[in-house]
Amino acid sequence: MLSEYLLIGEVLKPQGIKGLVKVRPDTDDPERFLDLEYVYVKNGGNYVKTAVDEVSVREDAVYLRLDGCNDRDVAEKQRGTMLYIDRENAVQLAENETFICDLIGCEVQDRQGNVLGKIKDVLQPGGNDVYVVKCKQGEMLLPALLHIVIDVQTAKGFVTVDESRLHEVAVCDWE
């Protein structure tokens, strides 16, 4: 089952003395923070809706103030805080796009349903994503190309590949 919340950033440190924090964005588009009125902060097992104010985006990070944070001491306590957005307010994806966090843990199967392994990471080296698949024999690097990855069902927890094409593209650490 997919998580109701998506990680969008982590508070790195206080910025100045007035309660601003520096955030490392975990999103393809840091400008997305400019439109946020609130984020969710995980507190134990619960996600707490927290207002966002004074957002600015720079080359290296996002700077913002979370509700109730008016000085450096309070901002210091937010160091390491993970910031989330609910799916309802997440960026709308185009066809054939999925959130990376939804791919992690998905089983990779062939067209007959035989499980080849599980996705443990997604690399983004340039032209296309590459799935890092943990298999019984070791790891496989699998390019996320439409003629290789023929079906993605993150809600059901699997990705189907055309096994007849794997020898052309997959890199395995057991070869």
N, C-alpha and C. Protein backbone atom coordinates (compact mmCIF):
# COMPACT_ATOMS: atom_id res chain seq x y z
N MET A 1 0.84 -1.18 0.00
CA MET A 1 0.00 0.00 0.00
C MET A 1 0.88 1.25 0.00
N LEU A 2 0.49 2.22 -0.77
CA LEU A 2 1.26 3.45 -0.89
C LEU A 2 1.03 4.34 0.33
N SER A 3 2.10 5.02 0.74
CA SER A 3 2.00 5.93 1.87
C SER A 3 1.12 7.12 1.48
N GLU A 4 0.37 7.61 2.44
CA GLU A 4 -0.49 8.77 2.20
C GLU A 4 0.32 10.06 2.07
N TYR A 5 1.55 10.03 2.56
CA TYR A 5 2.39 11.22 2.59
C TYR A 5 3.68 11.00 1.81
N LEU A 6 4.15 12.06 1.15
CA LEU A 6 5.38 12.01 0.36
C LEU A 6 6.41 12.94 0.98
N LEU A 7 7.61 12.45 1.15
CA LEU A 7 8.71 13.25 1.68
C LEU A 7 9.08 14.32 0.66
N ILE A 8 9.18 15.57 1.10
CA ILE A 8 9.56 16.65 0.19
C ILE A 8 10.80 17.40 0.64
N GLY A 9 11.28 17.15 1.87
CA GLY A 9 12.48 17.84 2.30
C GLY A 9 12.85 17.54 3.73
N GLU A 10 14.06 17.98 4.09
CA GLU A 10 14.57 17.80 5.45
C GLU A 10 15.15 19.12 5.93
N VAL A 11 14.79 19.50 7.16
CA VAL A 11 15.36 20.70 7.76
C VAL A 11 16.81 20.41 8.12
N LEU A 12 17.72 21.22 7.56
CA LEU A 12 19.14 21.02 7.79
C LEU A 12 19.67 21.80 8.99
N LYS A 13 19.26 23.06 9.09
CA LYS A 13 19.78 23.91 10.18
C LYS A 13 19.00 25.21 10.23
N PRO A 14 19.18 25.95 11.34
CA PRO A 14 18.58 27.29 11.40
C PRO A 14 19.27 28.22 10.41
N GLN A 15 18.54 29.24 9.98
CA GLN A 15 19.10 30.24 9.08
C GLN A 15 18.82 31.61 9.69
N GLY A 16 19.82 32.23 10.25
CA GLY A 16 19.64 33.52 10.89
C GLY A 16 19.06 33.40 12.28
N ILE A 17 18.52 34.51 12.79
CA ILE A 17 18.06 34.54 14.19
C ILE A 17 16.54 34.66 14.32
N LYS A 18 15.83 34.73 13.20
CA LYS A 18 14.39 34.99 13.26
C LYS A 18 13.52 33.76 13.02
N GLY A 19 14.09 32.57 13.11
CA GLY A 19 13.29 31.37 13.02
C GLY A 19 13.23 30.69 11.67
N LEU A 20 13.94 31.21 10.68
CA LEU A 20 13.99 30.55 9.39
C LEU A 20 14.85 29.30 9.48
N VAL A 21 14.55 28.32 8.62
CA VAL A 21 15.37 27.11 8.54
C VAL A 21 15.78 26.85 7.10
N LYS A 22 16.91 26.20 6.95
CA LYS A 22 17.39 25.78 5.64
C LYS A 22 16.90 24.35 5.42
N VAL A 23 16.28 24.12 4.25
CA VAL A 23 15.70 22.81 3.94
C VAL A 23 16.37 22.24 2.69
N ARG A 24 16.76 20.97 2.77
CA ARG A 24 17.23 20.25 1.59
C ARG A 24 16.00 19.68 0.91
N PRO A 25 15.67 20.17 -0.30
CA PRO A 25 14.46 19.67 -0.96
C PRO A 25 14.66 18.27 -1.54
N ASP A 26 13.68 17.41 -1.35
CA ASP A 26 13.65 16.08 -1.96
C ASP A 26 12.58 16.07 -3.03
N THR A 27 12.77 16.91 -4.03
CA THR A 27 11.81 17.05 -5.10
C THR A 27 12.55 17.49 -6.35
N ASP A 28 12.02 17.15 -7.50
CA ASP A 28 12.61 17.59 -8.76
C ASP A 28 12.47 19.09 -8.96
N ASP A 29 11.49 19.69 -8.29
CA ASP A 29 11.20 21.11 -8.49
C ASP A 29 11.12 21.84 -7.16
N PRO A 30 12.26 22.36 -6.66
CA PRO A 30 12.24 23.09 -5.39
C PRO A 30 11.30 24.30 -5.40
N GLU A 31 11.02 24.85 -6.58
CA GLU A 31 10.09 25.98 -6.69
C GLU A 31 8.70 25.60 -6.16
N ARG A 32 8.44 24.29 -6.08
CA ARG A 32 7.16 23.78 -5.57
C ARG A 32 6.88 24.31 -4.16
N PHE A 33 7.95 24.55 -3.39
CA PHE A 33 7.78 25.05 -2.03
C PHE A 33 7.11 26.43 -2.00
N LEU A 34 7.29 27.21 -3.05
CA LEU A 34 6.73 28.55 -3.09
C LEU A 34 5.20 28.55 -3.02
N ASP A 35 4.58 27.47 -3.48
CA ASP A 35 3.12 27.37 -3.50
C ASP A 35 2.53 26.69 -2.27
N LEU A 36 3.38 26.20 -1.38
CA LEU A 36 2.88 25.46 -0.22
C LEU A 36 2.40 26.40 0.88
N GLU A 37 1.22 26.14 1.36
CA GLU A 37 0.70 26.86 2.52
C GLU A 37 1.01 26.09 3.80
N TYR A 38 1.21 24.78 3.67
CA TYR A 38 1.50 23.94 4.82
C TYR A 38 2.26 22.70 4.37
N VAL A 39 2.88 22.06 5.34
CA VAL A 39 3.52 20.76 5.16
C VAL A 39 3.07 19.90 6.33
N TYR A 40 3.46 18.65 6.29
CA TYR A 40 3.21 17.76 7.42
C TYR A 40 4.55 17.39 8.04
N VAL A 41 4.55 17.37 9.37
CA VAL A 41 5.73 16.98 10.13
C VAL A 41 5.36 15.71 10.88
N LYS A 42 6.20 14.70 10.76
CA LYS A 42 5.91 13.43 11.43
C LYS A 42 6.27 13.56 12.91
N ASN A 43 5.30 13.25 13.75
CA ASN A 43 5.49 13.32 15.20
C ASN A 43 5.05 11.98 15.76
N GLY A 44 6.02 11.11 16.05
CA GLY A 44 5.69 9.75 16.44
C GLY A 44 5.13 9.04 15.23
N GLY A 45 3.93 8.50 15.33
CA GLY A 45 3.28 7.85 14.21
C GLY A 45 2.29 8.73 13.48
N ASN A 46 2.18 9.98 13.92
CA ASN A 46 1.19 10.89 13.33
C ASN A 46 1.87 11.95 12.48
N TYR A 47 1.13 12.45 11.49
CA TYR A 47 1.58 13.55 10.65
C TYR A 47 0.81 14.80 11.07
N VAL A 48 1.54 15.83 11.47
CA VAL A 48 0.93 17.05 11.98
C VAL A 48 1.02 18.13 10.91
N LYS A 49 -0.12 18.69 10.55
CA LYS A 49 -0.19 19.76 9.56
C LYS A 49 0.43 21.02 10.17
N THR A 50 1.39 21.61 9.45
CA THR A 50 2.13 22.76 9.96
C THR A 50 2.19 23.83 8.89
N ALA A 51 1.78 25.03 9.23
CA ALA A 51 1.79 26.14 8.28
C ALA A 51 3.23 26.50 7.90
N VAL A 52 3.38 26.98 6.66
CA VAL A 52 4.67 27.40 6.12
C VAL A 52 4.57 28.88 5.77
N ASP A 53 5.65 29.61 6.07
CA ASP A 53 5.66 31.05 5.81
C ASP A 53 7.05 31.46 5.32
N GLU A 54 7.13 32.58 4.66
CA GLU A 54 8.39 33.19 4.22
C GLU A 54 9.28 32.22 3.44
N VAL A 55 8.78 31.67 2.40
CA VAL A 55 9.54 30.70 1.60
C VAL A 55 10.38 31.41 0.55
N SER A 56 11.63 31.01 0.44
CA SER A 56 12.48 31.47 -0.66
C SER A 56 13.29 30.28 -1.15
N VAL A 57 13.54 30.26 -2.45
CA VAL A 57 14.29 29.18 -3.06
C VAL A 57 15.58 29.76 -3.62
N ARG A 58 16.69 29.13 -3.24
CA ARG A 58 17.99 29.54 -3.76
C ARG A 58 18.63 28.32 -4.41
N GLU A 59 19.80 28.52 -5.00
CA GLU A 59 20.46 27.42 -5.71
C GLU A 59 20.71 26.20 -4.83
N ASP A 60 21.11 26.44 -3.59
CA ASP A 60 21.53 25.33 -2.74
C ASP A 60 20.44 24.75 -1.86
N ALA A 61 19.34 25.48 -1.65
CA ALA A 61 18.35 24.99 -0.69
C ALA A 61 17.08 25.84 -0.75
N VAL A 62 16.12 25.44 0.08
CA VAL A 62 14.90 26.20 0.30
C VAL A 62 14.99 26.75 1.72
N TYR A 63 14.56 27.98 1.88
CA TYR A 63 14.55 28.61 3.20
C TYR A 63 13.11 28.95 3.53
N LEU A 64 12.68 28.61 4.76
CA LEU A 64 11.30 28.87 5.14
C LEU A 64 11.16 28.93 6.64
N ARG A 65 9.98 29.35 7.05
CA ARG A 65 9.65 29.38 8.48
C ARG A 65 8.45 28.46 8.69
N LEU A 66 8.57 27.59 9.66
CA LEU A 66 7.45 26.72 10.04
C LEU A 66 6.65 27.40 11.15
N ASP A 67 5.36 27.14 11.20
CA ASP A 67 4.47 27.74 12.18
C ASP A 67 5.03 27.59 13.59
N GLY A 68 5.03 28.69 14.34
CA GLY A 68 5.48 28.66 15.73
C GLY A 68 6.97 28.85 15.90
N CYS A 69 7.67 29.01 14.82
CA CYS A 69 9.13 29.15 14.89
C CYS A 69 9.49 30.63 14.70
N ASN A 70 9.81 31.30 15.81
CA ASN A 70 10.06 32.73 15.75
C ASN A 70 11.48 33.12 16.15
N ASP A 71 12.29 32.17 16.55
CA ASP A 71 13.67 32.51 16.89
C ASP A 71 14.60 31.34 16.60
N ARG A 72 15.88 31.59 16.68
CA ARG A 72 16.89 30.60 16.34
C ARG A 72 16.83 29.36 17.24
N ASP A 73 16.51 29.54 18.52
CA ASP A 73 16.46 28.39 19.44
C ASP A 73 15.38 27.39 19.02
N VAL A 74 14.22 27.89 18.64
CA VAL A 74 13.14 27.01 18.17
C VAL A 74 13.54 26.38 16.84
N ALA A 75 14.16 27.18 15.96
CA ALA A 75 14.60 26.66 14.66
C ALA A 75 15.64 25.56 14.84
N GLU A 76 16.50 25.70 15.81
CA GLU A 76 17.53 24.68 16.08
C GLU A 76 16.89 23.33 16.43
N LYS A 77 15.78 23.37 17.14
CA LYS A 77 15.09 22.14 17.54
C LYS A 77 14.45 21.43 16.34
N GLN A 78 14.32 22.15 15.22
CA GLN A 78 13.72 21.54 14.02
C GLN A 78 14.75 20.86 13.13
N ARG A 79 16.01 20.99 13.48
CA ARG A 79 17.07 20.34 12.69
C ARG A 79 16.76 18.85 12.56
N GLY A 80 16.85 18.34 11.33
CA GLY A 80 16.59 16.91 11.08
C GLY A 80 15.13 16.58 10.87
N THR A 81 14.24 17.54 11.02
CA THR A 81 12.82 17.31 10.82
C THR A 81 12.55 17.03 9.34
N MET A 82 11.80 15.99 9.08
CA MET A 82 11.41 15.64 7.72
C MET A 82 10.07 16.30 7.41
N LEU A 83 9.98 16.87 6.20
CA LEU A 83 8.77 17.56 5.78
C LEU A 83 8.06 16.74 4.71
N TYR A 84 6.75 16.64 4.83
CA TYR A 84 5.94 15.82 3.93
C TYR A 84 4.79 16.63 3.34
N ILE A 85 4.23 16.12 2.27
CA ILE A 85 3.00 16.64 1.68
C ILE A 85 2.06 15.45 1.50
N ASP A 86 0.77 15.69 1.64
CA ASP A 86 -0.17 14.59 1.41
C ASP A 86 -0.36 14.39 -0.09
N ARG A 87 -0.75 13.21 -0.49
CA ARG A 87 -0.89 12.88 -1.91
C ARG A 87 -1.92 13.77 -2.60
N GLU A 88 -2.94 14.15 -1.88
CA GLU A 88 -3.98 14.99 -2.48
C GLU A 88 -3.40 16.30 -3.01
N ASN A 89 -2.38 16.82 -2.36
CA ASN A 89 -1.78 18.09 -2.75
C ASN A 89 -0.41 17.92 -3.41
N ALA A 90 -0.08 16.71 -3.78
CA ALA A 90 1.19 16.44 -4.45
C ALA A 90 1.11 16.89 -5.91
N VAL A 91 2.24 17.06 -6.51
CA VAL A 91 2.31 17.43 -7.92
C VAL A 91 1.64 16.33 -8.74
N GLN A 92 0.86 16.73 -9.72
CA GLN A 92 0.23 15.75 -10.61
C GLN A 92 1.26 15.21 -11.59
N LEU A 93 1.36 13.92 -11.69
CA LEU A 93 2.32 13.28 -12.58
C LEU A 93 1.72 13.04 -13.95
N ALA A 94 2.58 13.06 -14.93
CA ALA A 94 2.16 12.75 -16.30
C ALA A 94 2.04 11.23 -16.46
N GLU A 95 1.47 10.81 -17.57
CA GLU A 95 1.37 9.39 -17.87
C GLU A 95 2.77 8.79 -17.90
N ASN A 96 2.91 7.58 -17.42
CA ASN A 96 4.19 6.85 -17.34
C ASN A 96 5.17 7.47 -16.36
N GLU A 97 4.70 8.29 -15.43
CA GLU A 97 5.55 8.81 -14.36
C GLU A 97 5.04 8.27 -13.03
N THR A 98 5.96 8.10 -12.10
CA THR A 98 5.60 7.66 -10.77
C THR A 98 6.57 8.27 -9.78
N PHE A 99 6.17 8.37 -8.54
CA PHE A 99 7.06 8.88 -7.51
C PHE A 99 8.10 7.81 -7.19
N ILE A 100 9.34 8.21 -7.05
CA ILE A 100 10.42 7.27 -6.76
C ILE A 100 10.13 6.50 -5.48
N CYS A 101 9.63 7.17 -4.46
CA CYS A 101 9.36 6.49 -3.19
C CYS A 101 8.36 5.35 -3.36
N ASP A 102 7.49 5.43 -4.37
CA ASP A 102 6.51 4.37 -4.61
C ASP A 102 7.14 3.15 -5.29
N LEU A 103 8.26 3.36 -5.97
CA LEU A 103 8.95 2.25 -6.64
C LEU A 103 9.78 1.42 -5.65
N ILE A 104 10.32 2.08 -4.63
CA ILE A 104 11.17 1.38 -3.66
C ILE A 104 10.35 0.29 -2.98
N GLY A 105 10.88 -0.93 -3.03
CA GLY A 105 10.20 -2.07 -2.42
C GLY A 105 9.32 -2.85 -3.39
N CYS A 106 9.08 -2.31 -4.57
CA CYS A 106 8.27 -3.05 -5.55
C CYS A 106 9.03 -4.27 -6.04
N GLU A 107 8.31 -5.37 -6.23
CA GLU A 107 8.90 -6.56 -6.82
C GLU A 107 9.04 -6.37 -8.32
N VAL A 108 10.15 -6.84 -8.86
CA VAL A 108 10.35 -6.84 -10.30
C VAL A 108 10.05 -8.26 -10.76
N GLN A 109 9.13 -8.38 -11.70
CA GLN A 109 8.74 -9.70 -12.18
C GLN A 109 8.81 -9.74 -13.70
N ASP A 110 8.94 -10.97 -14.22
CA ASP A 110 8.91 -11.12 -15.67
C ASP A 110 7.46 -11.23 -16.13
N ARG A 111 7.25 -11.39 -17.42
CA ARG A 111 5.89 -11.42 -17.96
C ARG A 111 5.07 -12.61 -17.46
N GLN A 112 5.73 -13.66 -16.98
CA GLN A 112 5.01 -14.82 -16.44
C GLN A 112 4.73 -14.69 -14.95
N GLY A 113 5.19 -13.59 -14.34
CA GLY A 113 4.95 -13.37 -12.91
C GLY A 113 6.04 -13.90 -12.01
N ASN A 114 7.15 -14.42 -12.59
CA ASN A 114 8.28 -14.89 -11.78
C ASN A 114 9.02 -13.68 -11.20
N VAL A 115 9.21 -13.68 -9.89
CA VAL A 115 9.86 -12.56 -9.21
C VAL A 115 11.37 -12.64 -9.43
N LEU A 116 11.93 -11.55 -9.93
CA LEU A 116 13.38 -11.46 -10.17
C LEU A 116 14.10 -10.79 -9.01
N GLY A 117 13.40 -9.94 -8.28
CA GLY A 117 14.00 -9.22 -7.16
C GLY A 117 13.12 -8.06 -6.74
N LYS A 118 13.68 -7.19 -5.89
CA LYS A 118 12.96 -6.02 -5.39
C LYS A 118 13.77 -4.77 -5.66
N ILE A 119 13.08 -3.69 -6.01
CA ILE A 119 13.75 -2.41 -6.23
C ILE A 119 14.16 -1.84 -4.87
N LYS A 120 15.46 -1.57 -4.74
CA LYS A 120 15.94 -1.00 -3.48
C LYS A 120 16.38 0.44 -3.61
N ASP A 121 16.56 0.91 -4.86
CA ASP A 121 16.94 2.30 -5.08
C ASP A 121 16.65 2.67 -6.53
N VAL A 122 16.57 3.95 -6.80
CA VAL A 122 16.40 4.44 -8.17
C VAL A 122 17.48 5.49 -8.39
N LEU A 123 18.32 5.25 -9.37
CA LEU A 123 19.38 6.19 -9.73
C LEU A 123 18.88 7.07 -10.86
N GLN A 124 19.36 8.30 -10.90
CA GLN A 124 18.97 9.24 -11.95
C GLN A 124 20.23 9.82 -12.59
N PRO A 125 20.93 9.01 -13.40
CA PRO A 125 22.20 9.45 -13.97
C PRO A 125 22.07 10.39 -15.16
N GLY A 126 20.89 10.50 -15.74
CA GLY A 126 20.75 11.38 -16.89
C GLY A 126 19.56 11.04 -17.75
N GLY A 127 19.79 10.40 -18.88
CA GLY A 127 18.76 10.14 -19.88
C GLY A 127 17.56 9.38 -19.38
N ASN A 128 17.75 8.42 -18.51
CA ASN A 128 16.64 7.65 -17.96
C ASN A 128 17.01 7.17 -16.56
N ASP A 129 15.99 6.87 -15.78
CA ASP A 129 16.23 6.32 -14.45
C ASP A 129 16.78 4.90 -14.57
N VAL A 130 17.45 4.47 -13.52
CA VAL A 130 17.98 3.11 -13.45
C VAL A 130 17.55 2.53 -12.11
N TYR A 131 16.85 1.40 -12.16
CA TYR A 131 16.40 0.73 -10.95
C TYR A 131 17.52 -0.16 -10.43
N VAL A 132 17.81 -0.05 -9.14
CA VAL A 132 18.74 -0.96 -8.48
C VAL A 132 17.88 -2.06 -7.87
N VAL A 133 18.03 -3.27 -8.42
CA VAL A 133 17.19 -4.39 -8.03
C VAL A 133 18.00 -5.39 -7.23
N LYS A 134 17.55 -5.69 -6.02
CA LYS A 134 18.19 -6.69 -5.17
C LYS A 134 17.63 -8.05 -5.56
N CYS A 135 18.52 -8.92 -6.04
CA CYS A 135 18.15 -10.27 -6.47
C CYS A 135 18.84 -11.29 -5.58
N LYS A 136 18.46 -12.55 -5.70
CA LYS A 136 19.11 -13.60 -4.92
C LYS A 136 20.60 -13.68 -5.22
N GLN A 137 20.96 -13.44 -6.47
CA GLN A 137 22.36 -13.55 -6.89
C GLN A 137 23.18 -12.30 -6.59
N GLY A 138 22.56 -11.20 -6.26
CA GLY A 138 23.25 -9.94 -6.03
C GLY A 138 22.38 -8.77 -6.47
N GLU A 139 22.99 -7.79 -7.12
CA GLU A 139 22.24 -6.62 -7.58
C GLU A 139 22.21 -6.55 -9.10
N MET A 140 21.11 -6.01 -9.60
CA MET A 140 20.97 -5.80 -11.04
C MET A 140 20.63 -4.32 -11.24
N LEU A 141 21.30 -3.69 -12.19
CA LEU A 141 20.97 -2.32 -12.59
C LEU A 141 20.10 -2.42 -13.83
N LEU A 142 18.89 -1.93 -13.71
CA LEU A 142 17.88 -2.10 -14.74
C LEU A 142 17.43 -0.73 -15.27
N PRO A 143 17.78 -0.39 -16.51
CA PRO A 143 17.33 0.89 -17.07
C PRO A 143 15.81 0.92 -17.18
N ALA A 144 15.23 2.03 -16.79
CA ALA A 144 13.76 2.17 -16.85
C ALA A 144 13.37 2.68 -18.23
N LEU A 145 13.46 1.80 -19.20
CA LEU A 145 13.10 2.11 -20.58
C LEU A 145 11.77 1.44 -20.91
N LEU A 146 10.95 2.09 -21.70
CA LEU A 146 9.60 1.58 -21.98
C LEU A 146 9.60 0.21 -22.65
N HIS A 147 10.62 -0.13 -23.42
CA HIS A 147 10.64 -1.45 -24.06
C HIS A 147 11.18 -2.54 -23.12
N ILE A 148 11.68 -2.14 -21.96
CA ILE A 148 12.15 -3.09 -20.95
C ILE A 148 11.12 -3.20 -19.81
N VAL A 149 10.80 -2.06 -19.23
CA VAL A 149 9.81 -2.02 -18.14
C VAL A 149 8.45 -1.81 -18.81
N ILE A 150 7.68 -2.88 -18.88
CA ILE A 150 6.45 -2.83 -19.68
C ILE A 150 5.20 -2.53 -18.86
N ASP A 151 5.28 -2.64 -17.53
CA ASP A 151 4.12 -2.32 -16.70
C ASP A 151 4.59 -1.93 -15.30
N VAL A 152 4.06 -0.85 -14.79
CA VAL A 152 4.38 -0.39 -13.44
C VAL A 152 3.08 -0.29 -12.66
N GLN A 153 2.97 -1.08 -11.61
CA GLN A 153 1.77 -1.11 -10.76
C GLN A 153 2.20 -0.87 -9.32
N THR A 154 2.58 0.37 -9.01
CA THR A 154 3.09 0.65 -7.66
C THR A 154 2.05 0.39 -6.59
N ALA A 155 0.78 0.64 -6.87
CA ALA A 155 -0.27 0.40 -5.88
C ALA A 155 -0.38 -1.08 -5.53
N LYS A 156 -0.02 -1.94 -6.48
CA LYS A 156 -0.04 -3.39 -6.26
C LYS A 156 1.33 -3.92 -5.87
N GLY A 157 2.36 -3.06 -5.95
CA GLY A 157 3.70 -3.44 -5.48
C GLY A 157 4.54 -4.22 -6.47
N PHE A 158 4.30 -4.04 -7.78
CA PHE A 158 5.16 -4.76 -8.72
C PHE A 158 5.42 -3.96 -9.99
N VAL A 159 6.52 -4.35 -10.63
CA VAL A 159 6.94 -3.80 -11.91
C VAL A 159 7.20 -5.00 -12.81
N THR A 160 6.65 -4.99 -14.03
CA THR A 160 6.85 -6.10 -14.95
C THR A 160 7.85 -5.70 -16.02
N VAL A 161 8.79 -6.61 -16.28
CA VAL A 161 9.80 -6.37 -17.30
C VAL A 161 9.71 -7.42 -18.40
N ASP A 162 10.18 -7.05 -19.57
CA ASP A 162 10.28 -7.99 -20.68
C ASP A 162 11.61 -8.72 -20.52
N GLU A 163 11.53 -9.92 -19.98
CA GLU A 163 12.75 -10.69 -19.67
C GLU A 163 13.58 -11.01 -20.89
N SER A 164 12.98 -11.03 -22.07
CA SER A 164 13.73 -11.34 -23.29
C SER A 164 14.68 -10.20 -23.66
N ARG A 165 14.49 -9.03 -23.09
CA ARG A 165 15.34 -7.87 -23.40
C ARG A 165 16.38 -7.59 -22.32
N LEU A 166 16.31 -8.29 -21.19
CA LEU A 166 17.22 -8.00 -20.08
C LEU A 166 18.69 -8.17 -20.45
N HIS A 167 19.00 -9.19 -21.25
CA HIS A 167 20.40 -9.44 -21.60
C HIS A 167 21.01 -8.28 -22.38
N GLU A 168 20.17 -7.46 -22.99
CA GLU A 168 20.64 -6.31 -23.77
C GLU A 168 21.05 -5.14 -22.89
N VAL A 169 20.43 -5.00 -21.73
CA VAL A 169 20.60 -3.77 -20.97
C VAL A 169 20.97 -3.92 -19.49
N ALA A 170 20.54 -4.99 -18.86
CA ALA A 170 20.75 -5.11 -17.42
C ALA A 170 22.21 -5.37 -17.10
N VAL A 171 22.68 -4.73 -16.04
CA VAL A 171 24.04 -4.95 -15.54
C VAL A 171 23.90 -5.64 -14.20
N CYS A 172 24.50 -6.82 -14.08
CA CYS A 172 24.39 -7.61 -12.85
C CYS A 172 25.75 -7.76 -12.20
N ASP A 173 25.80 -7.70 -10.89
CA ASP A 173 27.08 -7.84 -10.21
C ASP A 173 27.50 -9.30 -10.03
N TRP A 174 26.69 -10.23 -10.55
CA TRP A 174 27.06 -11.65 -10.45
C TRP A 174 27.56 -12.19 -11.78
N GLU A 175 27.64 -11.35 -12.81
CA GLU A 175 28.13 -11.81 -14.11
C GLU A 175 29.64 -11.88 -14.10
